[in-house]
């Protein structure tokens, strides 16, 4: 083939993808609302939380994360995929503890505590990243910090006092309910603001020293 007949590709094709954040936040809102009802003592058991964990908490967030990769959004992709995998793992853990999966398999609940600790560490640095997005997202991540703090401290076995364990459990419960409410708001704000092209629901501007430094670097 002559050089004149060769097709030279000098760029790339960008696939148009809508903002997946409202779907991911909706998934987070639904699953935390249902799960917090059990922690708050309003409902009992985890059997009916499992479907919402699999399809909303896990699948919806994971799909949003994959689509954020197409947006070249490292922060959003890591957050949604990371928490999506968390809810997949939680669903399977509840299946094991309920005897629905691996019936009769012995397990140590403190191992779940270390998983919560790992996600607490993950969420701390993601909270720093959320400062560069908007204030609503920062509040969501801050509440997730409190959720995992309460979960790992009440599960990992570092405290023995029943009252202290209960206090950390309730911290997790109220934080999870707060996550649901702010996630609903964040999802609604992104949908409506994008749909109308104006600010219907404010989410707050990015803030913090790293945000200012990044803005200064871009302006230079």
N, C-alpha and C. Protein backbone atom coordinates (compact mmCIF):
# COMPACT_ATOMS: atom_id res chain seq x y z
N UNK A 1 0.86 -1.20 0.00
CA UNK A 1 0.00 0.00 0.00
C UNK A 1 0.88 1.24 0.00
N UNK A 2 0.59 2.16 -0.89
CA UNK A 2 1.38 3.38 -0.97
C UNK A 2 1.07 4.29 0.20
N UNK A 3 2.01 5.20 0.44
CA UNK A 3 1.82 6.11 1.56
C UNK A 3 0.59 6.99 1.36
N UNK A 4 0.28 7.29 0.08
CA UNK A 4 -0.87 8.16 -0.19
C UNK A 4 -2.19 7.49 0.16
N UNK A 5 -2.19 6.14 0.20
CA UNK A 5 -3.41 5.40 0.53
C UNK A 5 -3.52 5.03 2.00
N UNK A 6 -2.47 5.33 2.74
CA UNK A 6 -2.47 4.99 4.16
C UNK A 6 -3.37 5.95 4.93
N UNK A 7 -4.09 5.44 5.87
CA UNK A 7 -4.94 6.26 6.74
C UNK A 7 -4.18 6.52 8.03
N UNK A 8 -3.94 7.77 8.30
CA UNK A 8 -3.20 8.14 9.50
C UNK A 8 -4.18 8.69 10.54
N UNK A 9 -4.13 8.10 11.72
CA UNK A 9 -4.99 8.54 12.81
C UNK A 9 -4.15 9.38 13.76
N UNK A 10 -4.47 10.63 13.85
CA UNK A 10 -3.66 11.54 14.67
C UNK A 10 -4.34 11.93 15.97
N UNK A 11 -5.61 11.57 16.14
CA UNK A 11 -6.32 11.91 17.37
C UNK A 11 -7.03 10.71 17.94
N UNK A 12 -8.11 10.94 18.66
CA UNK A 12 -8.90 9.85 19.22
C UNK A 12 -10.37 10.22 19.13
N UNK A 13 -11.20 9.22 19.16
CA UNK A 13 -12.64 9.42 19.10
C UNK A 13 -13.18 9.47 20.53
N UNK A 14 -13.84 10.55 20.89
CA UNK A 14 -14.41 10.70 22.22
C UNK A 14 -15.87 10.28 22.19
N UNK A 15 -16.20 9.26 22.96
CA UNK A 15 -17.58 8.81 23.06
C UNK A 15 -18.34 9.73 24.00
N UNK A 16 -19.47 10.24 23.54
CA UNK A 16 -20.26 11.15 24.37
C UNK A 16 -20.96 10.36 25.47
N UNK A 17 -20.70 10.72 26.71
CA UNK A 17 -21.27 10.03 27.86
C UNK A 17 -21.84 11.07 28.82
N UNK A 18 -23.08 10.86 29.24
CA UNK A 18 -23.71 11.78 30.20
C UNK A 18 -23.05 11.65 31.56
N UNK A 19 -23.28 12.63 32.40
CA UNK A 19 -22.72 12.64 33.75
C UNK A 19 -23.33 11.50 34.57
N UNK A 20 -22.51 10.54 35.02
CA UNK A 20 -23.06 9.39 35.74
C UNK A 20 -23.23 9.63 37.24
N UNK A 21 -22.80 10.80 37.73
CA UNK A 21 -22.83 11.05 39.17
C UNK A 21 -24.23 10.93 39.79
N UNK A 22 -25.30 11.45 39.14
CA UNK A 22 -26.63 11.31 39.76
C UNK A 22 -27.04 9.87 40.00
N UNK A 23 -26.69 8.97 39.06
CA UNK A 23 -27.02 7.56 39.23
C UNK A 23 -26.22 6.97 40.39
N UNK A 24 -24.93 7.27 40.44
CA UNK A 24 -24.11 6.74 41.52
C UNK A 24 -24.57 7.24 42.88
N UNK A 25 -24.92 8.53 42.97
CA UNK A 25 -25.39 9.09 44.24
C UNK A 25 -26.75 8.53 44.62
N UNK A 26 -27.60 8.27 43.61
CA UNK A 26 -28.89 7.64 43.90
C UNK A 26 -28.68 6.25 44.49
N UNK A 27 -27.78 5.48 43.89
CA UNK A 27 -27.49 4.15 44.41
C UNK A 27 -27.00 4.21 45.84
N UNK A 28 -26.10 5.17 46.12
CA UNK A 28 -25.59 5.34 47.48
C UNK A 28 -26.70 5.75 48.43
N UNK A 29 -27.56 6.66 47.98
CA UNK A 29 -28.65 7.15 48.84
C UNK A 29 -29.62 6.03 49.23
N UNK A 30 -30.02 5.24 48.26
CA UNK A 30 -31.01 4.19 48.53
C UNK A 30 -30.44 3.14 49.48
N UNK A 31 -29.24 2.66 49.20
CA UNK A 31 -28.72 1.56 50.02
C UNK A 31 -28.40 2.03 51.44
N UNK A 32 -27.91 3.26 51.61
CA UNK A 32 -27.62 3.74 52.96
C UNK A 32 -28.90 4.05 53.72
N UNK A 33 -29.95 4.47 53.01
CA UNK A 33 -31.23 4.70 53.68
C UNK A 33 -31.78 3.39 54.23
N UNK A 34 -31.75 2.33 53.41
CA UNK A 34 -32.26 1.02 53.85
C UNK A 34 -31.38 0.44 54.95
N UNK A 35 -30.06 0.51 54.77
CA UNK A 35 -29.15 -0.07 55.76
C UNK A 35 -29.21 0.69 57.09
N UNK A 36 -29.36 2.01 57.04
CA UNK A 36 -29.41 2.78 58.29
C UNK A 36 -30.67 2.47 59.09
N UNK A 37 -31.74 2.05 58.42
CA UNK A 37 -32.97 1.72 59.14
C UNK A 37 -32.74 0.54 60.09
N UNK A 38 -31.86 -0.39 59.68
CA UNK A 38 -31.54 -1.52 60.56
C UNK A 38 -30.64 -1.08 61.70
N UNK A 39 -29.64 -0.23 61.40
CA UNK A 39 -28.73 0.23 62.45
C UNK A 39 -29.46 1.08 63.49
N UNK A 40 -30.47 1.82 63.05
CA UNK A 40 -31.22 2.68 63.96
C UNK A 40 -32.29 1.90 64.73
N UNK A 41 -32.46 0.62 64.42
CA UNK A 41 -33.43 -0.20 65.12
C UNK A 41 -34.85 -0.06 64.62
N UNK A 42 -35.02 0.60 63.47
CA UNK A 42 -36.36 0.77 62.90
C UNK A 42 -36.81 -0.53 62.23
N UNK A 43 -35.85 -1.21 61.57
CA UNK A 43 -36.12 -2.51 60.94
C UNK A 43 -35.17 -3.54 61.51
N UNK A 44 -35.35 -4.79 61.13
CA UNK A 44 -34.53 -5.87 61.67
C UNK A 44 -33.96 -6.73 60.55
N UNK A 45 -32.75 -7.24 60.78
CA UNK A 45 -32.13 -8.18 59.85
C UNK A 45 -31.50 -7.50 58.64
N UNK A 46 -30.87 -8.34 57.81
CA UNK A 46 -30.19 -7.84 56.61
C UNK A 46 -30.67 -8.49 55.32
N UNK A 47 -31.60 -9.46 55.43
CA UNK A 47 -32.02 -10.21 54.25
C UNK A 47 -32.56 -9.31 53.15
N UNK A 48 -33.37 -8.30 53.53
CA UNK A 48 -33.95 -7.41 52.53
C UNK A 48 -33.05 -6.22 52.20
N UNK A 49 -31.92 -6.11 52.89
CA UNK A 49 -30.93 -5.09 52.52
C UNK A 49 -30.07 -5.61 51.38
N UNK A 50 -29.86 -6.93 51.32
CA UNK A 50 -28.96 -7.53 50.34
C UNK A 50 -29.31 -7.15 48.89
N UNK A 51 -30.58 -7.23 48.44
CA UNK A 51 -30.87 -6.85 47.06
C UNK A 51 -30.53 -5.40 46.75
N UNK A 52 -30.79 -4.50 47.71
CA UNK A 52 -30.49 -3.09 47.49
C UNK A 52 -28.99 -2.86 47.51
N UNK A 53 -28.28 -3.64 48.32
CA UNK A 53 -26.82 -3.54 48.33
C UNK A 53 -26.24 -3.99 46.99
N UNK A 54 -26.79 -5.06 46.41
CA UNK A 54 -26.27 -5.59 45.16
C UNK A 54 -26.60 -4.70 43.96
N UNK A 55 -27.84 -4.25 43.89
CA UNK A 55 -28.28 -3.56 42.67
C UNK A 55 -28.12 -2.04 42.74
N UNK A 56 -28.27 -1.44 43.91
CA UNK A 56 -28.12 0.02 44.02
C UNK A 56 -26.76 0.39 44.58
N UNK A 57 -26.44 -0.10 45.76
CA UNK A 57 -25.16 0.25 46.36
C UNK A 57 -23.99 -0.22 45.54
N UNK A 58 -24.07 -1.44 44.99
CA UNK A 58 -22.95 -2.00 44.25
C UNK A 58 -23.03 -1.71 42.76
N UNK A 59 -24.05 -2.22 42.09
CA UNK A 59 -24.11 -2.15 40.62
C UNK A 59 -24.24 -0.72 40.10
N UNK A 60 -25.13 0.08 40.71
CA UNK A 60 -25.33 1.45 40.23
C UNK A 60 -24.07 2.28 40.41
N UNK A 61 -23.41 2.14 41.55
CA UNK A 61 -22.18 2.90 41.77
C UNK A 61 -21.05 2.40 40.87
N UNK A 62 -20.97 1.09 40.68
CA UNK A 62 -19.91 0.56 39.83
C UNK A 62 -20.09 1.03 38.39
N UNK A 63 -21.32 1.02 37.89
CA UNK A 63 -21.60 1.50 36.55
C UNK A 63 -21.23 2.98 36.43
N UNK A 64 -21.59 3.77 37.44
CA UNK A 64 -21.24 5.19 37.43
C UNK A 64 -19.72 5.37 37.40
N UNK A 65 -19.01 4.53 38.12
CA UNK A 65 -17.56 4.62 38.12
C UNK A 65 -16.95 4.30 36.77
N UNK A 66 -17.47 3.27 36.11
CA UNK A 66 -16.98 2.91 34.77
C UNK A 66 -17.21 4.06 33.80
N UNK A 67 -18.38 4.69 33.87
CA UNK A 67 -18.67 5.81 32.98
C UNK A 67 -17.81 7.03 33.32
N UNK A 68 -17.44 7.19 34.60
CA UNK A 68 -16.56 8.30 34.97
C UNK A 68 -15.16 8.10 34.41
N UNK A 69 -14.74 6.84 34.21
CA UNK A 69 -13.46 6.59 33.54
C UNK A 69 -13.50 7.16 32.12
N UNK A 70 -14.66 7.06 31.47
CA UNK A 70 -14.80 7.62 30.12
C UNK A 70 -14.74 9.15 30.14
N UNK A 71 -15.11 9.72 31.28
CA UNK A 71 -15.01 11.17 31.44
C UNK A 71 -13.59 11.60 31.85
N UNK A 72 -12.69 10.65 31.99
CA UNK A 72 -11.33 10.92 32.48
C UNK A 72 -11.39 11.55 33.88
N UNK A 73 -12.36 11.11 34.66
CA UNK A 73 -12.55 11.60 36.02
C UNK A 73 -12.01 10.56 37.00
N UNK A 74 -10.74 10.68 37.32
CA UNK A 74 -10.09 9.70 38.19
C UNK A 74 -10.74 9.65 39.57
N UNK A 75 -11.05 10.81 40.12
CA UNK A 75 -11.65 10.86 41.45
C UNK A 75 -13.01 10.17 41.47
N UNK A 76 -13.90 10.55 40.55
CA UNK A 76 -15.23 9.96 40.51
C UNK A 76 -15.21 8.47 40.22
N UNK A 77 -14.35 8.07 39.30
CA UNK A 77 -14.25 6.65 38.94
C UNK A 77 -13.76 5.82 40.11
N UNK A 78 -12.74 6.32 40.81
CA UNK A 78 -12.20 5.59 41.96
C UNK A 78 -13.23 5.50 43.08
N UNK A 79 -13.93 6.62 43.33
CA UNK A 79 -14.93 6.64 44.41
C UNK A 79 -16.08 5.69 44.12
N UNK A 80 -16.71 5.83 42.96
CA UNK A 80 -17.88 5.01 42.67
C UNK A 80 -17.52 3.53 42.54
N UNK A 81 -16.43 3.22 41.86
CA UNK A 81 -16.03 1.81 41.74
C UNK A 81 -15.61 1.25 43.10
N UNK A 82 -14.86 2.05 43.87
CA UNK A 82 -14.40 1.59 45.18
C UNK A 82 -15.55 1.27 46.11
N UNK A 83 -16.53 2.16 46.20
CA UNK A 83 -17.67 1.92 47.08
C UNK A 83 -18.64 0.91 46.48
N UNK A 84 -18.67 0.81 45.16
CA UNK A 84 -19.47 -0.24 44.53
C UNK A 84 -18.96 -1.61 44.93
N UNK A 85 -17.64 -1.80 44.87
CA UNK A 85 -17.07 -3.08 45.30
C UNK A 85 -17.30 -3.32 46.80
N UNK A 86 -17.32 -2.23 47.58
CA UNK A 86 -17.60 -2.38 49.01
C UNK A 86 -18.98 -3.02 49.22
N UNK A 87 -19.98 -2.54 48.49
CA UNK A 87 -21.33 -3.06 48.69
C UNK A 87 -21.49 -4.46 48.13
N UNK A 88 -20.73 -4.81 47.08
CA UNK A 88 -20.70 -6.21 46.64
C UNK A 88 -20.20 -7.09 47.78
N UNK A 89 -19.11 -6.66 48.41
CA UNK A 89 -18.52 -7.44 49.50
C UNK A 89 -19.45 -7.51 50.70
N UNK A 90 -20.13 -6.39 51.02
CA UNK A 90 -21.05 -6.40 52.14
C UNK A 90 -22.21 -7.36 51.90
N UNK A 91 -22.74 -7.35 50.68
CA UNK A 91 -23.86 -8.24 50.36
C UNK A 91 -23.46 -9.70 50.55
N UNK A 92 -22.27 -10.06 50.07
CA UNK A 92 -21.81 -11.44 50.21
C UNK A 92 -21.51 -11.76 51.67
N UNK A 93 -21.02 -10.79 52.43
CA UNK A 93 -20.76 -11.02 53.86
C UNK A 93 -22.06 -11.27 54.61
N UNK A 94 -23.09 -10.49 54.29
CA UNK A 94 -24.40 -10.73 54.93
C UNK A 94 -24.96 -12.09 54.54
N UNK A 95 -24.73 -12.51 53.29
CA UNK A 95 -25.19 -13.83 52.86
C UNK A 95 -24.50 -14.93 53.67
N UNK A 96 -23.21 -14.75 53.92
CA UNK A 96 -22.46 -15.75 54.69
C UNK A 96 -22.97 -15.80 56.13
N UNK A 97 -23.12 -14.62 56.76
CA UNK A 97 -23.56 -14.60 58.15
C UNK A 97 -24.98 -15.11 58.32
N UNK A 98 -25.81 -14.96 57.28
CA UNK A 98 -27.19 -15.44 57.34
C UNK A 98 -27.32 -16.89 56.90
N UNK A 99 -26.23 -17.50 56.46
CA UNK A 99 -26.27 -18.88 56.01
C UNK A 99 -26.80 -19.06 54.60
N UNK A 100 -26.94 -17.95 53.86
CA UNK A 100 -27.42 -18.04 52.49
C UNK A 100 -26.32 -18.40 51.52
N UNK A 101 -25.08 -18.21 51.95
CA UNK A 101 -23.92 -18.48 51.09
C UNK A 101 -22.83 -19.10 51.97
N UNK A 102 -22.31 -20.23 51.58
CA UNK A 102 -21.30 -20.88 52.41
C UNK A 102 -21.86 -21.31 53.74
N UNK A 103 -22.99 -21.98 53.74
CA UNK A 103 -23.68 -22.37 54.96
C UNK A 103 -22.77 -23.20 55.87
N UNK A 104 -22.68 -22.77 57.12
CA UNK A 104 -21.88 -23.49 58.10
C UNK A 104 -20.43 -23.08 58.16
N UNK A 105 -20.01 -22.12 57.31
CA UNK A 105 -18.63 -21.65 57.31
C UNK A 105 -18.39 -20.76 58.52
N UNK A 106 -17.33 -21.05 59.27
CA UNK A 106 -17.00 -20.23 60.43
C UNK A 106 -16.38 -18.92 59.97
N UNK A 107 -16.68 -17.84 60.69
CA UNK A 107 -16.12 -16.54 60.33
C UNK A 107 -15.85 -15.74 61.60
N UNK A 108 -14.92 -14.82 61.48
CA UNK A 108 -14.54 -13.94 62.59
C UNK A 108 -14.97 -12.53 62.22
N UNK A 109 -15.94 -11.97 62.93
CA UNK A 109 -16.49 -10.65 62.60
C UNK A 109 -15.44 -9.55 62.69
N UNK A 110 -14.35 -9.79 63.44
CA UNK A 110 -13.31 -8.77 63.54
C UNK A 110 -12.60 -8.54 62.21
N UNK A 111 -12.61 -9.56 61.35
CA UNK A 111 -12.03 -9.37 60.01
C UNK A 111 -12.81 -8.31 59.24
N UNK A 112 -14.12 -8.27 59.42
CA UNK A 112 -14.92 -7.22 58.82
C UNK A 112 -14.53 -5.86 59.39
N UNK A 113 -14.18 -5.85 60.68
CA UNK A 113 -13.73 -4.61 61.30
C UNK A 113 -12.49 -4.05 60.62
N UNK A 114 -11.56 -4.92 60.25
CA UNK A 114 -10.35 -4.45 59.56
C UNK A 114 -10.68 -3.97 58.15
N UNK A 115 -11.68 -4.57 57.51
CA UNK A 115 -12.13 -4.08 56.21
C UNK A 115 -12.71 -2.68 56.36
N UNK A 116 -13.49 -2.45 57.43
CA UNK A 116 -14.03 -1.13 57.70
C UNK A 116 -12.90 -0.12 57.95
N UNK A 117 -11.87 -0.57 58.66
CA UNK A 117 -10.71 0.29 58.91
C UNK A 117 -10.05 0.69 57.59
N UNK A 118 -9.89 -0.28 56.69
CA UNK A 118 -9.30 0.01 55.39
C UNK A 118 -10.11 1.02 54.61
N UNK A 119 -11.43 0.88 54.65
CA UNK A 119 -12.28 1.83 53.94
C UNK A 119 -12.32 3.19 54.64
N UNK A 120 -12.10 3.22 55.94
CA UNK A 120 -11.97 4.49 56.64
C UNK A 120 -10.75 5.24 56.13
N UNK A 121 -9.62 4.54 56.00
CA UNK A 121 -8.40 5.16 55.47
C UNK A 121 -8.63 5.66 54.05
N UNK A 122 -9.25 4.82 53.22
CA UNK A 122 -9.57 5.19 51.84
C UNK A 122 -10.44 6.46 51.80
N UNK A 123 -11.45 6.50 52.66
CA UNK A 123 -12.38 7.62 52.65
C UNK A 123 -11.73 8.92 53.12
N UNK A 124 -10.77 8.83 54.04
CA UNK A 124 -10.09 10.03 54.53
C UNK A 124 -9.43 10.77 53.37
N UNK A 125 -8.66 10.04 52.53
CA UNK A 125 -8.00 10.78 51.45
C UNK A 125 -8.97 11.12 50.32
N UNK A 126 -10.06 10.38 50.19
CA UNK A 126 -11.08 10.77 49.21
C UNK A 126 -11.83 12.01 49.68
N UNK A 127 -11.95 12.20 51.00
CA UNK A 127 -12.57 13.40 51.54
C UNK A 127 -11.76 14.63 51.18
N UNK A 128 -10.44 14.50 51.22
CA UNK A 128 -9.56 15.60 50.80
C UNK A 128 -9.82 15.93 49.33
N UNK A 129 -9.99 14.90 48.51
CA UNK A 129 -10.29 15.12 47.10
C UNK A 129 -11.64 15.76 46.89
N UNK A 130 -12.62 15.42 47.75
CA UNK A 130 -13.98 15.97 47.61
C UNK A 130 -14.00 17.47 47.83
N UNK A 131 -13.02 18.00 48.55
CA UNK A 131 -12.95 19.44 48.75
C UNK A 131 -12.79 20.17 47.41
N UNK A 132 -12.18 19.50 46.45
CA UNK A 132 -11.98 20.10 45.14
C UNK A 132 -13.15 19.93 44.20
N UNK A 133 -14.22 19.29 44.68
CA UNK A 133 -15.43 19.09 43.85
C UNK A 133 -16.50 20.10 44.23
N UNK A 134 -17.17 19.87 45.34
CA UNK A 134 -18.16 20.82 45.85
C UNK A 134 -18.43 20.51 47.31
N UNK A 135 -19.14 21.39 47.98
CA UNK A 135 -19.34 21.26 49.42
C UNK A 135 -20.31 20.13 49.77
N UNK A 136 -21.31 19.89 48.94
CA UNK A 136 -22.24 18.78 49.21
C UNK A 136 -21.50 17.45 49.18
N UNK A 137 -20.65 17.27 48.17
CA UNK A 137 -19.88 16.03 48.08
C UNK A 137 -18.93 15.90 49.26
N UNK A 138 -18.34 17.01 49.69
CA UNK A 138 -17.46 16.97 50.86
C UNK A 138 -18.23 16.51 52.09
N UNK A 139 -19.44 17.03 52.29
CA UNK A 139 -20.24 16.62 53.45
C UNK A 139 -20.55 15.13 53.39
N UNK A 140 -20.87 14.62 52.20
CA UNK A 140 -21.14 13.19 52.04
C UNK A 140 -19.93 12.37 52.45
N UNK A 141 -18.75 12.77 51.97
CA UNK A 141 -17.54 12.00 52.30
C UNK A 141 -17.19 12.14 53.78
N UNK A 142 -17.42 13.30 54.37
CA UNK A 142 -17.16 13.46 55.80
C UNK A 142 -18.06 12.54 56.61
N UNK A 143 -19.32 12.43 56.20
CA UNK A 143 -20.23 11.52 56.89
C UNK A 143 -19.84 10.06 56.68
N UNK A 144 -19.28 9.74 55.49
CA UNK A 144 -18.79 8.37 55.27
C UNK A 144 -17.60 8.09 56.19
N UNK A 145 -16.76 9.12 56.43
CA UNK A 145 -15.68 8.97 57.42
C UNK A 145 -16.25 8.55 58.77
N UNK A 146 -17.28 9.26 59.21
CA UNK A 146 -17.90 8.96 60.51
C UNK A 146 -18.53 7.57 60.50
N UNK A 147 -19.14 7.20 59.37
CA UNK A 147 -19.74 5.87 59.25
C UNK A 147 -18.70 4.78 59.47
N UNK A 148 -17.59 4.87 58.74
CA UNK A 148 -16.57 3.82 58.86
C UNK A 148 -15.85 3.88 60.20
N UNK A 149 -15.71 5.08 60.77
CA UNK A 149 -15.14 5.17 62.12
C UNK A 149 -16.02 4.42 63.10
N UNK A 150 -17.32 4.67 63.03
CA UNK A 150 -18.23 3.97 63.92
C UNK A 150 -18.26 2.48 63.68
N UNK A 151 -18.20 2.07 62.41
CA UNK A 151 -18.26 0.65 62.08
C UNK A 151 -17.02 -0.11 62.55
N UNK A 152 -15.84 0.45 62.27
CA UNK A 152 -14.66 -0.34 62.63
C UNK A 152 -14.42 -0.32 64.13
N UNK A 153 -14.76 0.78 64.81
CA UNK A 153 -14.56 0.82 66.26
C UNK A 153 -15.55 -0.07 67.00
N UNK A 154 -16.73 -0.28 66.43
CA UNK A 154 -17.72 -1.14 67.09
C UNK A 154 -17.58 -2.60 66.69
N UNK A 155 -16.69 -2.89 65.72
CA UNK A 155 -16.57 -4.26 65.19
C UNK A 155 -15.20 -4.87 65.41
N UNK A 156 -14.17 -4.06 65.38
CA UNK A 156 -12.80 -4.58 65.31
C UNK A 156 -12.32 -5.17 66.63
N UNK A 157 -12.98 -4.82 67.75
CA UNK A 157 -12.62 -5.41 69.03
C UNK A 157 -11.61 -4.61 69.83
N UNK A 158 -11.40 -3.35 69.49
CA UNK A 158 -10.45 -2.52 70.22
C UNK A 158 -11.05 -1.92 71.48
N UNK A 159 -12.36 -1.92 71.58
CA UNK A 159 -13.03 -1.45 72.80
C UNK A 159 -13.90 -2.58 73.33
N UNK A 160 -13.97 -2.66 74.65
CA UNK A 160 -14.72 -3.75 75.27
C UNK A 160 -15.97 -3.28 75.99
N UNK A 161 -16.05 -1.98 76.28
CA UNK A 161 -17.21 -1.44 77.00
C UNK A 161 -18.45 -1.49 76.10
N UNK A 162 -19.52 -2.07 76.62
CA UNK A 162 -20.75 -2.20 75.85
C UNK A 162 -21.32 -0.83 75.50
N UNK A 163 -21.21 0.12 76.41
CA UNK A 163 -21.75 1.46 76.15
C UNK A 163 -20.96 2.18 75.07
N UNK A 164 -19.63 1.97 75.06
CA UNK A 164 -18.79 2.60 74.04
C UNK A 164 -19.06 1.98 72.68
N UNK A 165 -19.19 0.67 72.63
CA UNK A 165 -19.52 -0.01 71.38
C UNK A 165 -20.85 0.49 70.85
N UNK A 166 -21.83 0.63 71.74
CA UNK A 166 -23.14 1.13 71.32
C UNK A 166 -23.04 2.56 70.79
N UNK A 167 -22.21 3.38 71.44
CA UNK A 167 -22.06 4.77 71.01
C UNK A 167 -21.48 4.83 69.59
N UNK A 168 -20.46 4.01 69.32
CA UNK A 168 -19.88 3.98 67.98
C UNK A 168 -20.88 3.42 66.96
N UNK A 169 -21.67 2.44 67.40
CA UNK A 169 -22.70 1.89 66.51
C UNK A 169 -23.72 2.96 66.12
N UNK A 170 -24.14 3.76 67.10
CA UNK A 170 -25.12 4.81 66.81
C UNK A 170 -24.50 5.93 65.97
N UNK A 171 -23.20 6.20 66.18
CA UNK A 171 -22.51 7.16 65.32
C UNK A 171 -22.60 6.70 63.87
N UNK A 172 -22.34 5.41 63.64
CA UNK A 172 -22.43 4.86 62.29
C UNK A 172 -23.86 4.95 61.75
N UNK A 173 -24.83 4.68 62.60
CA UNK A 173 -26.23 4.68 62.17
C UNK A 173 -26.68 6.07 61.71
N UNK A 174 -26.43 7.08 62.53
CA UNK A 174 -26.87 8.44 62.18
C UNK A 174 -26.06 9.00 61.01
N UNK A 175 -24.76 8.66 60.95
CA UNK A 175 -23.94 9.11 59.83
C UNK A 175 -24.45 8.50 58.53
N UNK A 176 -24.84 7.23 58.57
CA UNK A 176 -25.34 6.56 57.36
C UNK A 176 -26.65 7.18 56.90
N UNK A 177 -27.52 7.52 57.85
CA UNK A 177 -28.77 8.18 57.47
C UNK A 177 -28.49 9.55 56.85
N UNK A 178 -27.51 10.27 57.42
CA UNK A 178 -27.12 11.56 56.85
C UNK A 178 -26.56 11.43 55.44
N UNK A 179 -25.79 10.36 55.21
CA UNK A 179 -25.25 10.10 53.87
C UNK A 179 -26.39 9.96 52.87
N UNK A 180 -27.41 9.22 53.27
CA UNK A 180 -28.57 9.02 52.38
C UNK A 180 -29.22 10.34 52.02
N UNK A 181 -29.45 11.21 53.00
CA UNK A 181 -30.14 12.48 52.75
C UNK A 181 -29.32 13.39 51.84
N UNK A 182 -28.04 13.53 52.14
CA UNK A 182 -27.20 14.41 51.32
C UNK A 182 -26.94 13.81 49.94
N UNK A 183 -26.94 12.49 49.83
CA UNK A 183 -26.76 11.86 48.52
C UNK A 183 -27.99 12.07 47.65
N UNK A 184 -29.18 11.99 48.25
CA UNK A 184 -30.40 12.33 47.50
C UNK A 184 -30.31 13.77 46.98
N UNK A 185 -29.87 14.68 47.84
CA UNK A 185 -29.77 16.08 47.45
C UNK A 185 -28.74 16.26 46.33
N UNK A 186 -27.58 15.62 46.48
CA UNK A 186 -26.54 15.73 45.46
C UNK A 186 -26.98 15.16 44.13
N UNK A 187 -27.71 14.05 44.16
CA UNK A 187 -28.22 13.45 42.93
C UNK A 187 -29.24 14.39 42.27
N UNK A 188 -30.17 14.92 43.07
CA UNK A 188 -31.18 15.83 42.54
C UNK A 188 -30.56 17.09 41.98
N UNK A 189 -29.57 17.63 42.69
CA UNK A 189 -28.92 18.86 42.24
C UNK A 189 -28.24 18.66 40.89
N UNK A 190 -27.53 17.55 40.73
CA UNK A 190 -26.82 17.31 39.48
C UNK A 190 -27.80 17.10 38.32
N UNK A 191 -28.87 16.36 38.57
CA UNK A 191 -29.87 16.13 37.52
C UNK A 191 -30.53 17.44 37.10
N UNK A 192 -31.05 18.19 38.07
CA UNK A 192 -31.82 19.39 37.76
C UNK A 192 -30.94 20.51 37.22
N UNK A 193 -29.76 20.67 37.80
CA UNK A 193 -28.87 21.72 37.32
C UNK A 193 -28.41 21.45 35.89
N UNK A 194 -28.15 20.17 35.59
CA UNK A 194 -27.74 19.81 34.23
C UNK A 194 -28.91 19.92 33.26
N UNK A 195 -30.08 19.47 33.70
CA UNK A 195 -31.26 19.47 32.83
C UNK A 195 -31.68 20.88 32.42
N UNK A 196 -31.67 21.80 33.39
CA UNK A 196 -32.13 23.16 33.10
C UNK A 196 -30.99 24.10 32.67
N UNK A 197 -29.76 23.68 32.90
CA UNK A 197 -28.63 24.53 32.53
C UNK A 197 -28.44 25.73 33.43
N UNK A 198 -29.09 25.72 34.59
CA UNK A 198 -28.94 26.77 35.59
C UNK A 198 -28.83 26.11 36.96
N UNK A 199 -28.49 26.90 37.97
CA UNK A 199 -28.39 26.35 39.32
C UNK A 199 -29.77 26.31 39.97
N UNK A 200 -30.38 25.14 39.96
CA UNK A 200 -31.66 24.94 40.63
C UNK A 200 -31.42 24.65 42.11
N UNK A 201 -30.48 23.76 42.38
CA UNK A 201 -30.09 23.42 43.75
C UNK A 201 -28.59 23.66 43.89
N UNK A 202 -28.17 24.58 44.72
CA UNK A 202 -26.73 24.87 44.87
C UNK A 202 -26.00 23.73 45.57
N UNK A 203 -24.76 23.49 45.18
CA UNK A 203 -23.94 22.45 45.81
C UNK A 203 -22.70 23.02 46.50
N UNK A 204 -22.46 24.32 46.31
CA UNK A 204 -21.31 24.94 46.97
C UNK A 204 -20.04 24.81 46.15
N UNK A 205 -19.26 25.86 46.14
CA UNK A 205 -18.03 25.89 45.34
C UNK A 205 -16.94 25.05 45.99
N UNK A 206 -15.96 24.59 45.19
CA UNK A 206 -14.80 23.89 45.75
C UNK A 206 -14.07 24.81 46.74
N UNK A 207 -13.38 24.22 47.69
CA UNK A 207 -12.69 25.02 48.70
C UNK A 207 -11.45 24.27 49.18
N UNK A 208 -10.67 24.92 50.03
CA UNK A 208 -9.51 24.29 50.63
C UNK A 208 -8.20 24.74 49.99
N UNK A 209 -7.09 24.55 50.69
CA UNK A 209 -5.78 25.02 50.21
C UNK A 209 -5.33 24.36 48.91
N UNK A 210 -5.65 23.07 48.73
CA UNK A 210 -5.21 22.39 47.51
C UNK A 210 -6.00 22.87 46.31
N UNK A 211 -7.27 23.19 46.53
CA UNK A 211 -8.09 23.73 45.45
C UNK A 211 -7.55 25.07 44.99
N UNK A 212 -7.20 25.93 45.95
CA UNK A 212 -6.65 27.24 45.60
C UNK A 212 -5.32 27.11 44.87
N UNK A 213 -4.49 26.17 45.34
CA UNK A 213 -3.19 25.96 44.70
C UNK A 213 -3.37 25.44 43.27
N UNK A 214 -4.36 24.54 43.08
CA UNK A 214 -4.62 24.00 41.75
C UNK A 214 -5.13 25.09 40.80
N UNK A 215 -6.01 25.95 41.32
CA UNK A 215 -6.53 27.05 40.51
C UNK A 215 -5.44 28.03 40.14
N UNK A 216 -4.52 28.28 41.08
CA UNK A 216 -3.41 29.19 40.80
C UNK A 216 -2.47 28.60 39.76
N UNK A 217 -2.27 27.28 39.83
CA UNK A 217 -1.38 26.61 38.87
C UNK A 217 -1.97 26.65 37.46
N UNK A 218 -3.29 26.49 37.36
CA UNK A 218 -3.94 26.53 36.06
C UNK A 218 -3.90 27.94 35.45
N UNK A 219 -4.00 28.94 36.33
CA UNK A 219 -3.99 30.32 35.87
C UNK A 219 -2.61 30.80 35.44
N UNK A 220 -1.58 30.13 35.97
CA UNK A 220 -0.19 30.55 35.68
C UNK A 220 0.20 30.25 34.23
